[in-house]
Amino acid sequence: MDLKKALEQKTISPHAVRPDGALTSPRSYGVYKVPFSVGGSRQVRYGNHPVRMTELEREFGSCQLCHLFLHREDAAAMAELLNGEAP
């Protein structure tokens, strides 16, 4: 099994977490696609959900949640893989 498929199996539904102040319980990490990238790289970003999503919406006008994980390392690995696939 390749790494991307292994990571996809670790994703969780946004309905599996509930708001807890500015973050979620349990803590979750999103992988987001922004509408364009500055300098042609890093079209996919990651961070604490939903704080990072709000920051990206403010910076880029919008973003799309692609994946949600319980572990930051999984979100970072998926973002790196997806950025490598971006044209």
N, C-alpha and C. Protein backbone atom coordinates (compact mmCIF):
# COMPACT_ATOMS: atom_id res chain seq x y z
N MET A 1 0.85 -1.17 0.00
CA MET A 1 0.00 0.00 0.00
C MET A 1 0.90 1.24 0.00
N ASP A 2 0.55 2.21 -0.83
CA ASP A 2 1.38 3.42 -0.86
C ASP A 2 1.02 4.35 0.30
N LEU A 3 1.89 5.31 0.53
CA LEU A 3 1.75 6.21 1.67
C LEU A 3 0.46 7.02 1.61
N LYS A 4 0.09 7.50 0.42
CA LYS A 4 -1.12 8.31 0.30
C LYS A 4 -2.35 7.51 0.72
N LYS A 5 -2.46 6.28 0.26
CA LYS A 5 -3.61 5.45 0.63
C LYS A 5 -3.61 5.15 2.13
N ALA A 6 -2.43 4.91 2.68
CA ALA A 6 -2.32 4.65 4.12
C ALA A 6 -2.78 5.86 4.92
N LEU A 7 -2.39 7.05 4.48
CA LEU A 7 -2.82 8.27 5.16
C LEU A 7 -4.31 8.51 5.00
N GLU A 8 -4.84 8.25 3.80
CA GLU A 8 -6.28 8.43 3.57
C GLU A 8 -7.10 7.56 4.51
N GLN A 9 -6.59 6.41 4.88
CA GLN A 9 -7.31 5.52 5.79
C GLN A 9 -7.33 6.07 7.22
N LYS A 10 -6.47 7.02 7.52
CA LYS A 10 -6.42 7.62 8.86
C LYS A 10 -7.28 8.87 8.97
N THR A 11 -7.89 9.31 7.87
CA THR A 11 -8.70 10.53 7.92
C THR A 11 -9.94 10.30 8.78
N ILE A 12 -10.45 11.39 9.33
CA ILE A 12 -11.67 11.32 10.12
C ILE A 12 -12.70 12.27 9.51
N SER A 13 -13.94 12.06 9.85
CA SER A 13 -15.02 12.93 9.39
C SER A 13 -15.03 14.21 10.24
N PRO A 14 -15.34 15.34 9.64
CA PRO A 14 -15.49 16.56 10.43
C PRO A 14 -16.56 16.41 11.52
N HIS A 15 -17.49 15.48 11.34
CA HIS A 15 -18.54 15.24 12.33
C HIS A 15 -18.03 14.45 13.53
N ALA A 16 -16.78 13.93 13.44
CA ALA A 16 -16.21 13.15 14.52
C ALA A 16 -15.60 14.03 15.61
N VAL A 17 -15.55 15.34 15.36
CA VAL A 17 -15.00 16.28 16.34
C VAL A 17 -16.06 17.32 16.67
N ARG A 18 -15.91 17.94 17.82
CA ARG A 18 -16.85 18.99 18.20
C ARG A 18 -16.06 20.24 18.59
N PRO A 19 -16.66 21.39 18.42
CA PRO A 19 -15.97 22.63 18.80
C PRO A 19 -15.61 22.64 20.28
N ASP A 20 -14.43 23.16 20.58
CA ASP A 20 -13.96 23.31 21.96
C ASP A 20 -13.15 24.59 22.00
N GLY A 21 -13.83 25.69 22.22
CA GLY A 21 -13.17 26.99 22.13
C GLY A 21 -12.81 27.27 20.68
N ALA A 22 -11.57 27.66 20.45
CA ALA A 22 -11.12 27.95 19.08
C ALA A 22 -10.71 26.69 18.33
N LEU A 23 -10.56 25.57 19.04
CA LEU A 23 -10.10 24.32 18.41
C LEU A 23 -11.22 23.29 18.44
N THR A 24 -10.87 22.02 18.36
CA THR A 24 -11.85 20.95 18.39
C THR A 24 -11.47 19.95 19.47
N SER A 25 -12.43 19.15 19.86
CA SER A 25 -12.20 18.06 20.79
C SER A 25 -12.71 16.79 20.14
N PRO A 26 -11.87 15.79 19.94
CA PRO A 26 -10.44 15.83 20.16
C PRO A 26 -9.75 16.79 19.19
N ARG A 27 -8.53 17.18 19.52
CA ARG A 27 -7.75 18.08 18.68
C ARG A 27 -7.64 17.47 17.29
N SER A 28 -7.80 18.27 16.26
CA SER A 28 -7.73 17.76 14.89
C SER A 28 -6.90 18.70 14.02
N TYR A 29 -6.41 18.15 12.92
CA TYR A 29 -5.52 18.88 12.01
C TYR A 29 -6.04 18.72 10.60
N GLY A 30 -6.29 19.84 9.93
CA GLY A 30 -6.83 19.81 8.59
C GLY A 30 -5.76 20.00 7.53
N VAL A 31 -6.08 19.47 6.36
CA VAL A 31 -5.27 19.69 5.16
C VAL A 31 -6.18 20.45 4.20
N TYR A 32 -5.72 21.62 3.77
CA TYR A 32 -6.56 22.55 3.01
C TYR A 32 -5.93 22.89 1.67
N LYS A 33 -6.79 23.02 0.67
CA LYS A 33 -6.33 23.47 -0.64
C LYS A 33 -6.75 24.93 -0.79
N VAL A 34 -5.78 25.78 -1.13
CA VAL A 34 -6.07 27.19 -1.35
C VAL A 34 -6.25 27.42 -2.85
N PRO A 35 -6.99 28.48 -3.23
CA PRO A 35 -7.32 28.67 -4.65
C PRO A 35 -6.11 28.93 -5.54
N PHE A 36 -5.03 29.43 -4.99
CA PHE A 36 -3.82 29.67 -5.77
C PHE A 36 -2.65 29.68 -4.81
N SER A 37 -1.48 29.56 -5.33
CA SER A 37 -0.30 29.58 -4.47
C SER A 37 0.58 30.76 -4.84
N VAL A 38 1.23 31.29 -3.86
CA VAL A 38 2.14 32.41 -4.09
C VAL A 38 3.48 31.82 -4.52
N GLY A 39 3.97 32.23 -5.65
CA GLY A 39 5.25 31.72 -6.13
C GLY A 39 5.16 30.33 -6.75
N GLY A 40 3.95 29.81 -6.95
CA GLY A 40 3.78 28.54 -7.64
C GLY A 40 4.00 27.30 -6.79
N SER A 41 4.06 27.44 -5.48
CA SER A 41 4.24 26.25 -4.65
C SER A 41 3.31 26.31 -3.45
N ARG A 42 3.20 25.21 -2.76
CA ARG A 42 2.41 25.10 -1.54
C ARG A 42 0.95 25.49 -1.73
N GLN A 43 0.31 24.85 -2.67
CA GLN A 43 -1.12 25.09 -2.85
C GLN A 43 -1.90 24.38 -1.75
N VAL A 44 -1.30 23.41 -1.10
CA VAL A 44 -1.94 22.67 -0.02
C VAL A 44 -1.26 23.05 1.29
N ARG A 45 -2.06 23.42 2.28
CA ARG A 45 -1.55 23.83 3.59
C ARG A 45 -2.19 22.95 4.66
N TYR A 46 -1.64 22.97 5.86
CA TYR A 46 -2.22 22.20 6.97
C TYR A 46 -2.06 22.96 8.27
N GLY A 47 -2.84 22.54 9.28
CA GLY A 47 -2.73 23.15 10.60
C GLY A 47 -3.89 22.78 11.49
N ASN A 48 -3.90 23.36 12.70
CA ASN A 48 -4.98 23.09 13.65
C ASN A 48 -6.32 23.46 13.04
N HIS A 49 -7.25 22.55 13.13
CA HIS A 49 -8.59 22.79 12.60
C HIS A 49 -9.47 23.29 13.72
N PRO A 50 -10.28 24.29 13.53
CA PRO A 50 -10.54 25.10 12.34
C PRO A 50 -9.77 26.42 12.31
N VAL A 51 -8.84 26.62 13.24
CA VAL A 51 -8.10 27.87 13.30
C VAL A 51 -7.35 28.13 11.99
N ARG A 52 -6.65 27.13 11.49
CA ARG A 52 -5.88 27.31 10.25
C ARG A 52 -6.80 27.60 9.08
N MET A 53 -7.96 26.96 9.05
CA MET A 53 -8.91 27.19 7.97
C MET A 53 -9.34 28.67 7.96
N THR A 54 -9.61 29.23 9.12
CA THR A 54 -10.00 30.64 9.23
C THR A 54 -8.87 31.55 8.75
N GLU A 55 -7.63 31.23 9.13
CA GLU A 55 -6.48 32.02 8.69
C GLU A 55 -6.34 31.99 7.17
N LEU A 56 -6.50 30.81 6.57
CA LEU A 56 -6.36 30.69 5.12
C LEU A 56 -7.48 31.40 4.39
N GLU A 57 -8.69 31.33 4.93
CA GLU A 57 -9.81 32.06 4.31
C GLU A 57 -9.56 33.56 4.35
N ARG A 58 -8.99 34.04 5.44
CA ARG A 58 -8.68 35.46 5.55
C ARG A 58 -7.57 35.84 4.55
N GLU A 59 -6.56 34.98 4.43
CA GLU A 59 -5.42 35.29 3.56
C GLU A 59 -5.73 35.13 2.08
N PHE A 60 -6.47 34.07 1.71
CA PHE A 60 -6.70 33.76 0.30
C PHE A 60 -8.14 33.97 -0.17
N GLY A 61 -9.04 34.29 0.74
CA GLY A 61 -10.43 34.49 0.37
C GLY A 61 -11.27 33.23 0.50
N SER A 62 -10.65 32.08 0.35
CA SER A 62 -11.35 30.80 0.52
C SER A 62 -10.31 29.68 0.62
N CYS A 63 -10.77 28.54 1.07
CA CYS A 63 -9.96 27.33 1.06
C CYS A 63 -10.91 26.14 1.18
N GLN A 64 -10.42 24.98 0.82
CA GLN A 64 -11.24 23.77 0.86
C GLN A 64 -10.58 22.75 1.77
N LEU A 65 -11.35 22.25 2.75
CA LEU A 65 -10.86 21.18 3.61
C LEU A 65 -10.80 19.90 2.78
N CYS A 66 -9.61 19.33 2.64
CA CYS A 66 -9.43 18.10 1.86
C CYS A 66 -9.44 16.86 2.76
N HIS A 67 -8.73 16.95 3.89
CA HIS A 67 -8.61 15.83 4.81
C HIS A 67 -8.55 16.35 6.24
N LEU A 68 -9.00 15.52 7.18
CA LEU A 68 -8.93 15.86 8.60
C LEU A 68 -8.32 14.69 9.34
N PHE A 69 -7.34 14.97 10.19
CA PHE A 69 -6.59 13.93 10.91
C PHE A 69 -6.58 14.23 12.41
N LEU A 70 -6.32 13.20 13.18
CA LEU A 70 -6.15 13.36 14.63
C LEU A 70 -4.70 13.65 15.00
N HIS A 71 -3.77 13.41 14.07
CA HIS A 71 -2.35 13.59 14.36
C HIS A 71 -1.73 14.58 13.37
N ARG A 72 -1.02 15.56 13.91
CA ARG A 72 -0.38 16.60 13.10
C ARG A 72 0.59 16.01 12.08
N GLU A 73 1.31 14.97 12.48
CA GLU A 73 2.29 14.35 11.58
C GLU A 73 1.62 13.79 10.32
N ASP A 74 0.42 13.23 10.48
CA ASP A 74 -0.32 12.70 9.33
C ASP A 74 -0.74 13.83 8.40
N ALA A 75 -1.21 14.93 8.97
CA ALA A 75 -1.62 16.08 8.15
C ALA A 75 -0.43 16.66 7.40
N ALA A 76 0.72 16.76 8.08
CA ALA A 76 1.92 17.29 7.44
C ALA A 76 2.36 16.40 6.29
N ALA A 77 2.33 15.09 6.50
CA ALA A 77 2.74 14.15 5.45
C ALA A 77 1.81 14.22 4.25
N MET A 78 0.49 14.31 4.50
CA MET A 78 -0.47 14.39 3.39
C MET A 78 -0.28 15.70 2.63
N ALA A 79 -0.09 16.81 3.32
CA ALA A 79 0.11 18.10 2.64
C ALA A 79 1.37 18.04 1.77
N GLU A 80 2.42 17.44 2.28
CA GLU A 80 3.66 17.32 1.51
C GLU A 80 3.44 16.46 0.26
N LEU A 81 2.72 15.37 0.41
CA LEU A 81 2.42 14.52 -0.76
C LEU A 81 1.59 15.28 -1.80
N LEU A 82 0.55 15.94 -1.35
CA LEU A 82 -0.32 16.66 -2.28
C LEU A 82 0.39 17.83 -2.95
N ASN A 83 1.27 18.50 -2.24
CA ASN A 83 2.04 19.59 -2.85
C ASN A 83 2.99 19.03 -3.91
N GLY A 84 3.49 17.83 -3.69
CA GLY A 84 4.35 17.20 -4.68
C GLY A 84 3.62 16.81 -5.95
N GLU A 85 2.30 16.58 -5.82
CA GLU A 85 1.48 16.21 -6.96
C GLU A 85 0.98 17.41 -7.74
N ALA A 86 0.98 18.58 -7.11
CA ALA A 86 0.43 19.79 -7.75
C ALA A 86 1.22 20.12 -9.00
N PRO A 87 0.51 20.55 -10.06
CA PRO A 87 1.21 20.88 -11.33
C PRO A 87 2.10 22.08 -11.20
